[in-house]
Amino acid sequence: MTSKKDPTERDFITGHIVLLFIILLCITGCEDDYLTINAFEAEGTTIDYNLPDTSATLNVAVVSLQASKQKNDNIKTILEYIESIANSNPGVELISFGESMTGWYAGTPSYISEIAEPIPGQFTDSLAFYAKKHGVYISIGLPEKKDGRLYNSLVVINPDGEIIAVHRKNTLTPEDESAGYSPMRNANVIYIHEFRAGLMICADVNGLWLTKQYIDADIDIILSAFASPIGLPSFNLISRRMDAWQIFPNRYGKENGDEYSGLIYISDPAGNIVKHHIGSVSYFTYTIAK
């Protein structure tokens, strides 16, 4: 027997569908490079992700740290975490940290300029030492000074201690703009062992141009850096859209009136959240496969 919704319920559902499309229209209409969300993605239908054969694996550590306003304190904490994670997890191959981890995420241009440094610089030299010492890849976000500008950047260092990528944030948030950061249109695809990884920083996931670059490059992993207050989503449309694993490191705690959830997760190419942690400083390891 087919049941029929009463007019009140039907109007309620219709109104919410219309509201969703109005919101999406407003968002996408404000920015030419902003992605739209299709109905399938918005619904979040569960899809199983099964690999009949595994040709390669990557053991990843995903980290959530609480940042101090003092750069030197943060650098000390980051290096201690690298040492601890590598020693406690001998098989780890990539250690992934969040966005702008050498200081508070939001700040004045003078504060950001104070904690920013060139790449390569003293901080990346220290990262290179530990990457080589432990034979791991390290990815981390930091404020960068380059050619008289400030960039919200993500650097990746390989097990030989070499910088193999510097990604600069394409899509700025209001906090980025008020901090004095400049945007840069750039796409960076690197190999981490057998995996093709595309680099993104937080709001970059909303960028149409960058998303197309990575879909065309057929990446295996979205290697991200976040400063996010969000709770755990039911699924990850970014992974589903790009048919790629996403590594989601983050930060935790209160900073100048803002509060970050500490959410970290890994999602598979179907958008399923396969492992996560939220609500504290933490890290976990997970083995990605393809």
C-alpha atoms as a PDB file:
ATOM      1  CA  MET A   1       0.000   0.000   0.000  1.00  0.00           C
ATOM      2  CA  THR A   2       1.291   3.457  -0.898  1.00  0.00           C
ATOM      3  CA  SER A   3       1.023   6.097   1.824  1.00  0.00           C
ATOM      4  CA  LYS A   4       0.442   9.744   0.966  1.00  0.00           C
ATOM      5  CA  LYS A   5       1.924  12.634   2.899  1.00  0.00           C
ATOM      6  CA  ASP A   6      -0.591  15.150   4.187  1.00  0.00           C
ATOM      7  CA  PRO A   7      -0.421  18.672   2.678  1.00  0.00           C
ATOM      8  CA  THR A   8       1.241  20.190   5.761  1.00  0.00           C
ATOM      9  CA  GLU A   9       4.096  17.669   5.725  1.00  0.00           C
ATOM     10  CA  ARG A  10       4.465  17.930   1.952  1.00  0.00           C
ATOM     11  CA  ASP A  11       4.666  21.743   2.121  1.00  0.00           C
ATOM     12  CA  PHE A  12       7.238  21.493   4.917  1.00  0.00           C
ATOM     13  CA  ILE A  13       9.511  19.199   2.853  1.00  0.00           C
ATOM     14  CA  THR A  14       9.043  21.276  -0.302  1.00  0.00           C
ATOM     15  CA  GLY A  15       9.911  24.444   1.602  1.00  0.00           C
ATOM     16  CA  HIS A  16      13.139  22.956   2.902  1.00  0.00           C
ATOM     17  CA  ILE A  17      14.167  21.760  -0.547  1.00  0.00           C
ATOM     18  CA  VAL A  18      13.541  25.236  -1.963  1.00  0.00           C
ATOM     19  CA  LEU A  19      15.477  26.796   0.928  1.00  0.00           C
ATOM     20  CA  LEU A  20      18.451  24.490   0.259  1.00  0.00           C
ATOM     21  CA  PHE A  21      18.592  25.539  -3.389  1.00  0.00           C
ATOM     22  CA  ILE A  22      18.255  29.231  -2.506  1.00  0.00           C
ATOM     23  CA  ILE A  23      21.172  28.945  -0.068  1.00  0.00           C
ATOM     24  CA  LEU A  24      23.299  27.152  -2.644  1.00  0.00           C
ATOM     25  CA  LEU A  25      22.384  29.727  -5.271  1.00  0.00           C
ATOM     26  CA  CYS A  26      23.368  32.582  -2.966  1.00  0.00           C
ATOM     27  CA  ILE A  27      26.691  30.960  -2.079  1.00  0.00           C
ATOM     28  CA  THR A  28      27.664  30.057  -5.619  1.00  0.00           C
ATOM     29  CA  GLY A  29      26.471  33.362  -7.027  1.00  0.00           C
ATOM     30  CA  CYS A  30      28.906  35.270  -4.831  1.00  0.00           C
ATOM     31  CA  GLU A  31      32.022  33.582  -6.156  1.00  0.00           C
ATOM     32  CA  ASP A  32      32.725  32.444  -9.720  1.00  0.00           C
ATOM     33  CA  ASP A  33      35.106  29.735  -8.524  1.00  0.00           C
ATOM     34  CA  TYR A  34      32.757  28.339  -5.877  1.00  0.00           C
ATOM     35  CA  LEU A  35      31.504  24.774  -6.225  1.00  0.00           C
ATOM     36  CA  THR A  36      27.849  23.828  -6.388  1.00  0.00           C
ATOM     37  CA  ILE A  37      26.450  20.797  -4.577  1.00  0.00           C
ATOM     38  CA  ASN A  38      24.305  18.380  -6.543  1.00  0.00           C
ATOM     39  CA  ALA A  39      21.319  16.543  -5.087  1.00  0.00           C
ATOM     40  CA  PHE A  40      23.157  13.228  -4.801  1.00  0.00           C
ATOM     41  CA  GLU A  41      25.989  14.821  -2.821  1.00  0.00           C
ATOM     42  CA  ALA A  42      23.610  16.787  -0.611  1.00  0.00           C
ATOM     43  CA  GLU A  43      21.614  13.669   0.245  1.00  0.00           C
ATOM     44  CA  GLY A  44      24.687  11.786   1.429  1.00  0.00           C
ATOM     45  CA  THR A  45      23.560   8.342   0.290  1.00  0.00           C
ATOM     46  CA  THR A  46      25.821   5.659   1.751  1.00  0.00           C
ATOM     47  CA  ILE A  47      28.046   3.865  -0.737  1.00  0.00           C
ATOM     48  CA  ASP A  48      30.213   0.868   0.130  1.00  0.00           C
ATOM     49  CA  TYR A  49      33.875   1.133  -0.824  1.00  0.00           C
ATOM     50  CA  ASN A  50      35.471  -2.233  -1.490  1.00  0.00           C
ATOM     51  CA  LEU A  51      38.865  -3.035  -2.953  1.00  0.00           C
ATOM     52  CA  PRO A  52      39.056  -6.444  -4.659  1.00  0.00           C
ATOM     53  CA  ASP A  53      42.851  -6.194  -4.682  1.00  0.00           C
ATOM     54  CA  THR A  54      45.308  -3.975  -2.839  1.00  0.00           C
ATOM     55  CA  SER A  55      48.250  -2.768  -4.886  1.00  0.00           C
ATOM     56  CA  ALA A  56      49.630  -0.236  -2.372  1.00  0.00           C
ATOM     57  CA  THR A  57      49.187   0.941   1.214  1.00  0.00           C
ATOM     58  CA  LEU A  58      50.144   4.062   3.158  1.00  0.00           C
ATOM     59  CA  ASN A  59      50.251   4.259   6.951  1.00  0.00           C
ATOM     60  CA  VAL A  60      49.142   7.766   7.988  1.00  0.00           C
ATOM     61  CA  ALA A  61      49.133   9.602  11.339  1.00  0.00           C
ATOM     62  CA  VAL A  62      46.519  12.385  11.514  1.00  0.00           C
ATOM     63  CA  VAL A  63      47.080  14.989  14.238  1.00  0.00           C
ATOM     64  CA  SER A  64      45.014  17.533  16.194  1.00  0.00           C
ATOM     65  CA  LEU A  65      47.045  19.975  18.297  1.00  0.00           C
ATOM     66  CA  GLN A  66      46.181  22.978  20.460  1.00  0.00           C
ATOM     67  CA  ALA A  67      48.135  26.013  19.328  1.00  0.00           C
ATOM     68  CA  SER A  68      49.685  28.625  21.577  1.00  0.00           C
ATOM     69  CA  LYS A  69      49.952  32.233  20.497  1.00  0.00           C
ATOM     70  CA  GLN A  70      53.716  31.831  20.918  1.00  0.00           C
ATOM     71  CA  LYS A  71      55.432  30.453  17.831  1.00  0.00           C
ATOM     72  CA  ASN A  72      58.367  28.842  19.659  1.00  0.00           C
ATOM     73  CA  ASP A  73      56.024  26.927  21.982  1.00  0.00           C
ATOM     74  CA  ASN A  74      54.154  25.519  19.000  1.00  0.00           C
ATOM     75  CA  ILE A  75      57.309  24.483  17.177  1.00  0.00           C
ATOM     76  CA  LYS A  76      58.515  22.653  20.296  1.00  0.00           C
ATOM     77  CA  THR A  77      55.164  20.823  20.584  1.00  0.00           C
ATOM     78  CA  ILE A  78      55.094  19.895  16.889  1.00  0.00           C
ATOM     79  CA  LEU A  79      58.612  18.449  16.956  1.00  0.00           C
ATOM     80  CA  GLU A  80      57.854  16.517  20.154  1.00  0.00           C
ATOM     81  CA  TYR A  81      54.753  15.047  18.504  1.00  0.00           C
ATOM     82  CA  ILE A  82      56.714  13.966  15.437  1.00  0.00           C
ATOM     83  CA  GLU A  83      59.275  12.260  17.657  1.00  0.00           C
ATOM     84  CA  SER A  84      56.602  10.576  19.794  1.00  0.00           C
ATOM     85  CA  ILE A  85      54.444   9.413  16.872  1.00  0.00           C
ATOM     86  CA  ALA A  86      57.403   8.037  14.938  1.00  0.00           C
ATOM     87  CA  ASN A  87      58.818   6.219  17.961  1.00  0.00           C
ATOM     88  CA  SER A  88      55.435   4.797  19.019  1.00  0.00           C
ATOM     89  CA  ASN A  89      54.399   3.781  15.489  1.00  0.00           C
ATOM     90  CA  PRO A  90      57.462   2.396  13.659  1.00  0.00           C
ATOM     91  CA  GLY A  91      55.432   1.695  10.502  1.00  0.00           C
ATOM     92  CA  VAL A  92      54.071   5.231  10.086  1.00  0.00           C
ATOM     93  CA  GLU A  93      54.920   6.758   6.697  1.00  0.00           C
ATOM     94  CA  LEU A  94      53.156  10.154   6.733  1.00  0.00           C
ATOM     95  CA  ILE A  95      52.463  12.505   9.662  1.00  0.00           C
ATOM     96  CA  SER A  96      49.820  15.115   8.821  1.00  0.00           C
ATOM     97  CA  PHE A  97      49.214  18.317  10.815  1.00  0.00           C
ATOM     98  CA  GLY A  98      46.600  21.052  10.464  1.00  0.00           C
ATOM     99  CA  GLU A  99      46.505  24.590   9.092  1.00  0.00           C
ATOM    100  CA  SER A 100      48.779  27.426  10.262  1.00  0.00           C
ATOM    101  CA  MET A 101      50.112  25.391  13.178  1.00  0.00           C
ATOM    102  CA  THR A 102      52.986  27.671  14.211  1.00  0.00           C
ATOM    103  CA  GLY A 103      50.521  30.121  15.796  1.00  0.00           C
ATOM    104  CA  TRP A 104      46.882  31.062  16.133  1.00  0.00           C
ATOM    105  CA  TYR A 105      44.932  30.716  12.924  1.00  0.00           C
ATOM    106  CA  ALA A 106      43.140  34.083  13.079  1.00  0.00           C
ATOM    107  CA  GLY A 107      45.103  37.214  13.853  1.00  0.00           C
ATOM    108  CA  THR A 108      46.084  40.698  12.785  1.00  0.00           C
ATOM    109  CA  PRO A 109      48.462  41.190   9.845  1.00  0.00           C
ATOM    110  CA  SER A 110      51.181  42.284  12.289  1.00  0.00           C
ATOM    111  CA  TYR A 111      50.806  39.068  14.329  1.00  0.00           C
ATOM    112  CA  ILE A 112      50.785  36.835  11.247  1.00  0.00           C
ATOM    113  CA  SER A 113      53.796  38.676   9.844  1.00  0.00           C
ATOM    114  CA  GLU A 114      55.600  38.123  13.137  1.00  0.00           C
ATOM    115  CA  ILE A 115      55.131  34.326  13.104  1.00  0.00           C
ATOM    116  CA  ALA A 116      55.472  33.837   9.328  1.00  0.00           C
ATOM    117  CA  GLU A 117      58.749  32.759   7.769  1.00  0.00           C
ATOM    118  CA  PRO A 118      60.167  31.870   4.368  1.00  0.00           C
ATOM    119  CA  ILE A 119      60.017  28.332   2.980  1.00  0.00           C
ATOM    120  CA  PRO A 120      62.624  26.962   3.321  1.00  0.00           C
ATOM    121  CA  GLY A 121      63.329  28.512   6.710  1.00  0.00           C
ATOM    122  CA  GLN A 122      64.320  27.603  10.254  1.00  0.00           C
ATOM    123  CA  PHE A 123      61.085  25.737  10.978  1.00  0.00           C
ATOM    124  CA  THR A 124      61.128  23.682   7.780  1.00  0.00           C
ATOM    125  CA  ASP A 125      64.829  22.949   8.404  1.00  0.00           C
ATOM    126  CA  SER A 126      63.832  21.431  11.757  1.00  0.00           C
ATOM    127  CA  LEU A 127      61.037  19.438  10.110  1.00  0.00           C
ATOM    128  CA  ALA A 128      63.504  18.183   7.500  1.00  0.00           C
ATOM    129  CA  PHE A 129      65.823  16.925  10.251  1.00  0.00           C
ATOM    130  CA  TYR A 130      63.041  14.872  11.882  1.00  0.00           C
ATOM    131  CA  ALA A 131      61.638  13.642   8.561  1.00  0.00           C
ATOM    132  CA  LYS A 132      65.060  12.284   7.648  1.00  0.00           C
ATOM    133  CA  LYS A 133      65.730  10.955  11.153  1.00  0.00           C
ATOM    134  CA  HIS A 134      62.550   8.867  11.158  1.00  0.00           C
ATOM    135  CA  GLY A 135      62.185   8.225   7.429  1.00  0.00           C
ATOM    136  CA  VAL A 136      58.714   9.782   7.213  1.00  0.00           C
ATOM    137  CA  TYR A 137      56.799  12.306   5.138  1.00  0.00           C
ATOM    138  CA  ILE A 138      55.581  15.347   7.088  1.00  0.00           C
ATOM    139  CA  SER A 139      52.824  17.725   5.973  1.00  0.00           C
ATOM    140  CA  ILE A 140      51.938  20.838   7.944  1.00  0.00           C
ATOM    141  CA  GLY A 141      50.362  24.256   7.478  1.00  0.00           C
ATOM    142  CA  LEU A 142      52.210  27.462   8.387  1.00  0.00           C
ATOM    143  CA  PRO A 143      52.164  31.204   7.611  1.00  0.00           C
ATOM    144  CA  GLU A 144      54.704  31.940   4.886  1.00  0.00           C
ATOM    145  CA  LYS A 145      56.536  35.131   3.868  1.00  0.00           C
ATOM    146  CA  LYS A 146      57.364  35.296   0.173  1.00  0.00           C
ATOM    147  CA  ASP A 147      58.169  38.273  -2.065  1.00  0.00           C
ATOM    148  CA  GLY A 148      56.708  40.760   0.410  1.00  0.00           C
ATOM    149  CA  ARG A 149      53.416  38.872   0.761  1.00  0.00           C
ATOM    150  CA  LEU A 150      51.875  36.581   3.370  1.00  0.00           C
ATOM    151  CA  TYR A 151      50.552  33.179   2.319  1.00  0.00           C
ATOM    152  CA  ASN A 152      48.607  30.551   4.209  1.00  0.00           C
ATOM    153  CA  SER A 153      50.740  27.617   3.099  1.00  0.00           C
ATOM    154  CA  LEU A 154      51.048  23.848   3.359  1.00  0.00           C
ATOM    155  CA  VAL A 155      54.487  22.259   3.084  1.00  0.00           C
ATOM    156  CA  VAL A 156      55.334  18.601   2.488  1.00  0.00           C
ATOM    157  CA  ILE A 157      58.761  17.169   3.315  1.00  0.00           C
ATOM    158  CA  ASN A 158      59.903  13.723   2.197  1.00  0.00           C
ATOM    159  CA  PRO A 159      61.916  11.090   4.134  1.00  0.00           C
ATOM    160  CA  ASP A 160      65.134  12.463   2.660  1.00  0.00           C
ATOM    161  CA  GLY A 161      64.428  15.819   4.339  1.00  0.00           C
ATOM    162  CA  GLU A 162      63.572  17.528   1.045  1.00  0.00           C
ATOM    163  CA  ILE A 163      60.688  19.963   0.525  1.00  0.00           C
ATOM    164  CA  ILE A 164      58.672  18.363  -2.283  1.00  0.00           C
ATOM    165  CA  ALA A 165      55.699  20.750  -2.296  1.00  0.00           C
ATOM    166  CA  VAL A 166      54.545  24.137  -1.050  1.00  0.00           C
ATOM    167  CA  HIS A 167      50.836  24.737  -1.586  1.00  0.00           C
ATOM    168  CA  ARG A 168      49.456  28.245  -1.043  1.00  0.00           C
ATOM    169  CA  LYS A 169      45.793  28.656  -0.174  1.00  0.00           C
ATOM    170  CA  ASN A 170      43.610  29.492  -3.184  1.00  0.00           C
ATOM    171  CA  THR A 171      40.275  30.220  -1.500  1.00  0.00           C
ATOM    172  CA  LEU A 172      40.567  32.630   1.430  1.00  0.00           C
ATOM    173  CA  THR A 173      38.135  32.919   4.320  1.00  0.00           C
ATOM    174  CA  PRO A 174      37.248  36.288   5.890  1.00  0.00           C
ATOM    175  CA  GLU A 175      39.703  35.412   8.677  1.00  0.00           C
ATOM    176  CA  ASP A 176      42.469  34.881   6.102  1.00  0.00           C
ATOM    177  CA  GLU A 177      41.718  38.215   4.447  1.00  0.00           C
ATOM    178  CA  SER A 178      41.680  40.132   7.742  1.00  0.00           C
ATOM    179  CA  ALA A 179      45.004  38.482   8.659  1.00  0.00           C
ATOM    180  CA  GLY A 180      46.587  39.932   5.521  1.00  0.00           C
ATOM    181  CA  TYR A 181      47.039  36.725   3.522  1.00  0.00           C
ATOM    182  CA  SER A 182      47.166  36.825  -0.268  1.00  0.00           C
ATOM    183  CA  PRO A 183      45.485  34.098  -2.343  1.00  0.00           C
ATOM    184  CA  MET A 184      47.391  32.193  -5.000  1.00  0.00           C
ATOM    185  CA  ARG A 185      45.919  30.054  -7.777  1.00  0.00           C
ATOM    186  CA  ASN A 186      48.038  26.904  -7.641  1.00  0.00           C
ATOM    187  CA  ALA A 187      47.567  23.149  -7.769  1.00  0.00           C
ATOM    188  CA  ASN A 188      50.129  20.718  -6.415  1.00  0.00           C
ATOM    189  CA  VAL A 189      50.137  16.987  -7.111  1.00  0.00           C
ATOM    190  CA  ILE A 190      52.898  14.918  -5.546  1.00  0.00           C
ATOM    191  CA  TYR A 191      53.708  11.253  -5.128  1.00  0.00           C
ATOM    192  CA  ILE A 192      53.853   9.782  -1.645  1.00  0.00           C
ATOM    193  CA  HIS A 193      55.165   6.341  -2.440  1.00  0.00           C
ATOM    194  CA  GLU A 194      52.651   4.949  -4.982  1.00  0.00           C
ATOM    195  CA  PHE A 195      49.884   7.428  -4.125  1.00  0.00           C
ATOM    196  CA  ARG A 196      49.131  10.618  -6.074  1.00  0.00           C
ATOM    197  CA  ALA A 197      48.227  13.317  -3.542  1.00  0.00           C
ATOM    198  CA  GLY A 198      46.590  16.668  -4.271  1.00  0.00           C
ATOM    199  CA  LEU A 199      47.162  19.425  -1.704  1.00  0.00           C
ATOM    200  CA  MET A 200      44.368  21.591  -0.267  1.00  0.00           C
ATOM    201  CA  ILE A 201      44.049  23.987   2.662  1.00  0.00           C
ATOM    202  CA  CYS A 202      40.643  24.211   4.369  1.00  0.00           C
ATOM    203  CA  ALA A 203      38.365  26.417   2.184  1.00  0.00           C
ATOM    204  CA  ASP A 204      40.240  25.267  -0.928  1.00  0.00           C
ATOM    205  CA  VAL A 205      37.819  22.333  -0.931  1.00  0.00           C
ATOM    206  CA  ASN A 206      35.138  24.784  -2.151  1.00  0.00           C
ATOM    207  CA  GLY A 207      37.155  25.891  -5.186  1.00  0.00           C
ATOM    208  CA  LEU A 208      35.868  24.805  -8.598  1.00  0.00           C
ATOM    209  CA  TRP A 209      39.151  25.360 -10.473  1.00  0.00           C
ATOM    210  CA  LEU A 210      41.294  23.444  -7.975  1.00  0.00           C
ATOM    211  CA  THR A 211      38.802  20.591  -7.733  1.00  0.00           C
ATOM    212  CA  LYS A 212      38.853  20.199 -11.520  1.00  0.00           C
ATOM    213  CA  GLN A 213      42.660  20.120 -11.514  1.00  0.00           C
ATOM    214  CA  TYR A 214      42.719  17.257  -9.052  1.00  0.00           C
ATOM    215  CA  ILE A 215      39.907  15.303 -10.696  1.00  0.00           C
ATOM    216  CA  ASP A 216      41.758  15.579 -14.007  1.00  0.00           C
ATOM    217  CA  ALA A 217      44.973  14.459 -12.292  1.00  0.00           C
ATOM    218  CA  ASP A 218      43.148  11.368 -10.963  1.00  0.00           C
ATOM    219  CA  ILE A 219      44.548  11.795  -7.459  1.00  0.00           C
ATOM    220  CA  ASP A 220      44.357   9.026  -4.851  1.00  0.00           C
ATOM    221  CA  ILE A 221      44.558  11.260  -1.768  1.00  0.00           C
ATOM    222  CA  ILE A 222      43.392  14.755  -0.815  1.00  0.00           C
ATOM    223  CA  LEU A 223      46.152  15.834   1.564  1.00  0.00           C
ATOM    224  CA  SER A 224      44.597  18.665   3.577  1.00  0.00           C
ATOM    225  CA  ALA A 225      45.258  21.042   6.450  1.00  0.00           C
ATOM    226  CA  PHE A 226      42.318  22.466   8.420  1.00  0.00           C
ATOM    227  CA  ALA A 227      41.464  24.966  11.146  1.00  0.00           C
ATOM    228  CA  SER A 228      37.850  23.952  11.595  1.00  0.00           C
ATOM    229  CA  PRO A 229      35.150  24.169  14.281  1.00  0.00           C
ATOM    230  CA  ILE A 230      32.887  21.565  12.636  1.00  0.00           C
ATOM    231  CA  GLY A 231      31.477  18.425  14.205  1.00  0.00           C
ATOM    232  CA  LEU A 232      31.624  14.991  12.631  1.00  0.00           C
ATOM    233  CA  PRO A 233      29.795  14.902   9.266  1.00  0.00           C
ATOM    234  CA  SER A 234      27.695  11.899   8.258  1.00  0.00           C
ATOM    235  CA  PHE A 235      29.800  11.544   5.117  1.00  0.00           C
ATOM    236  CA  ASN A 236      32.459  13.482   3.198  1.00  0.00           C
ATOM    237  CA  LEU A 237      31.290  14.879  -0.139  1.00  0.00           C
ATOM    238  CA  ILE A 238      34.842  16.066  -0.991  1.00  0.00           C
ATOM    239  CA  SER A 239      36.143  12.489  -1.095  1.00  0.00           C
ATOM    240  CA  ARG A 240      33.097  11.360  -3.043  1.00  0.00           C
ATOM    241  CA  ARG A 241      33.395  14.189  -5.559  1.00  0.00           C
ATOM    242  CA  MET A 242      37.097  13.507  -6.223  1.00  0.00           C
ATOM    243  CA  ASP A 243      36.961   9.719  -5.787  1.00  0.00           C
ATOM    244  CA  ALA A 244      39.900   9.999  -3.382  1.00  0.00           C
ATOM    245  CA  TRP A 245      40.817   9.406   0.245  1.00  0.00           C
ATOM    246  CA  GLN A 246      40.865  12.583   2.344  1.00  0.00           C
ATOM    247  CA  ILE A 247      43.247  13.168   5.232  1.00  0.00           C
ATOM    248  CA  PHE A 248      41.695  15.751   7.598  1.00  0.00           C
ATOM    249  CA  PRO A 249      44.086  17.061  10.315  1.00  0.00           C
ATOM    250  CA  ASN A 250      42.916  19.941  12.484  1.00  0.00           C
ATOM    251  CA  ARG A 251      43.471  21.982  15.636  1.00  0.00           C
ATOM    252  CA  TYR A 252      41.744  22.012  19.022  1.00  0.00           C
ATOM    253  CA  GLY A 253      40.801  24.572  21.660  1.00  0.00           C
ATOM    254  CA  LYS A 254      39.999  28.256  22.069  1.00  0.00           C
ATOM    255  CA  GLU A 255      41.912  30.998  20.278  1.00  0.00           C
ATOM    256  CA  ASN A 256      40.964  34.644  20.629  1.00  0.00           C
ATOM    257  CA  GLY A 257      37.250  33.877  20.991  1.00  0.00           C
ATOM    258  CA  ASP A 258      37.166  31.129  18.362  1.00  0.00           C
ATOM    259  CA  GLU A 259      36.792  27.477  19.301  1.00  0.00           C
ATOM    260  CA  TYR A 260      38.080  24.538  17.272  1.00  0.00           C
ATOM    261  CA  SER A 261      36.573  21.082  17.637  1.00  0.00           C
ATOM    262  CA  GLY A 262      39.696  18.984  17.272  1.00  0.00           C
ATOM    263  CA  LEU A 263      37.914  16.853  14.667  1.00  0.00           C
ATOM    264  CA  ILE A 264      40.337  14.706  12.690  1.00  0.00           C
ATOM    265  CA  TYR A 265      39.345  11.986  10.266  1.00  0.00           C
ATOM    266  CA  ILE A 266      40.113   9.916   7.204  1.00  0.00           C
ATOM    267  CA  SER A 267      37.418   9.278   4.606  1.00  0.00           C
ATOM    268  CA  ASP A 268      37.490   6.744   1.794  1.00  0.00           C
ATOM    269  CA  PRO A 269      36.819   7.539  -1.888  1.00  0.00           C
ATOM    270  CA  ALA A 270      33.108   6.816  -1.415  1.00  0.00           C
ATOM    271  CA  GLY A 271      32.934   9.508   1.287  1.00  0.00           C
ATOM    272  CA  ASN A 272      32.648   7.173   4.285  1.00  0.00           C
ATOM    273  CA  ILE A 273      34.376   8.377   7.472  1.00  0.00           C
ATOM    274  CA  VAL A 274      36.519   5.321   8.246  1.00  0.00           C
ATOM    275  CA  LYS A 275      38.239   6.671  11.376  1.00  0.00           C
ATOM    276  CA  HIS A 276      37.923   9.826  13.443  1.00  0.00           C
ATOM    277  CA  HIS A 277      38.516  11.572  16.753  1.00  0.00           C
ATOM    278  CA  ILE A 278      36.957  14.756  18.114  1.00  0.00           C
ATOM    279  CA  GLY A 279      36.998  16.897  21.231  1.00  0.00           C
ATOM    280  CA  SER A 280      40.629  16.918  22.329  1.00  0.00           C
ATOM    281  CA  VAL A 281      44.270  17.070  21.356  1.00  0.00           C
ATOM    282  CA  SER A 282      44.980  13.701  19.788  1.00  0.00           C
ATOM    283  CA  TYR A 283      46.242  11.667  16.858  1.00  0.00           C
ATOM    284  CA  PHE A 284      45.463   8.318  15.320  1.00  0.00           C
ATOM    285  CA  THR A 285      47.001   6.115  12.635  1.00  0.00           C
ATOM    286  CA  TYR A 286      45.254   4.444   9.731  1.00  0.00           C
ATOM    287  CA  THR A 287      46.404   2.483   6.707  1.00  0.00           C
ATOM    288  CA  ILE A 288      45.078   3.758   3.371  1.00  0.00           C
ATOM    289  CA  ALA A 289      44.950   1.299   0.476  1.00  0.00           C
ATOM    290  CA  LYS A 290      44.390   1.317  -3.257  1.00  0.00           C
END
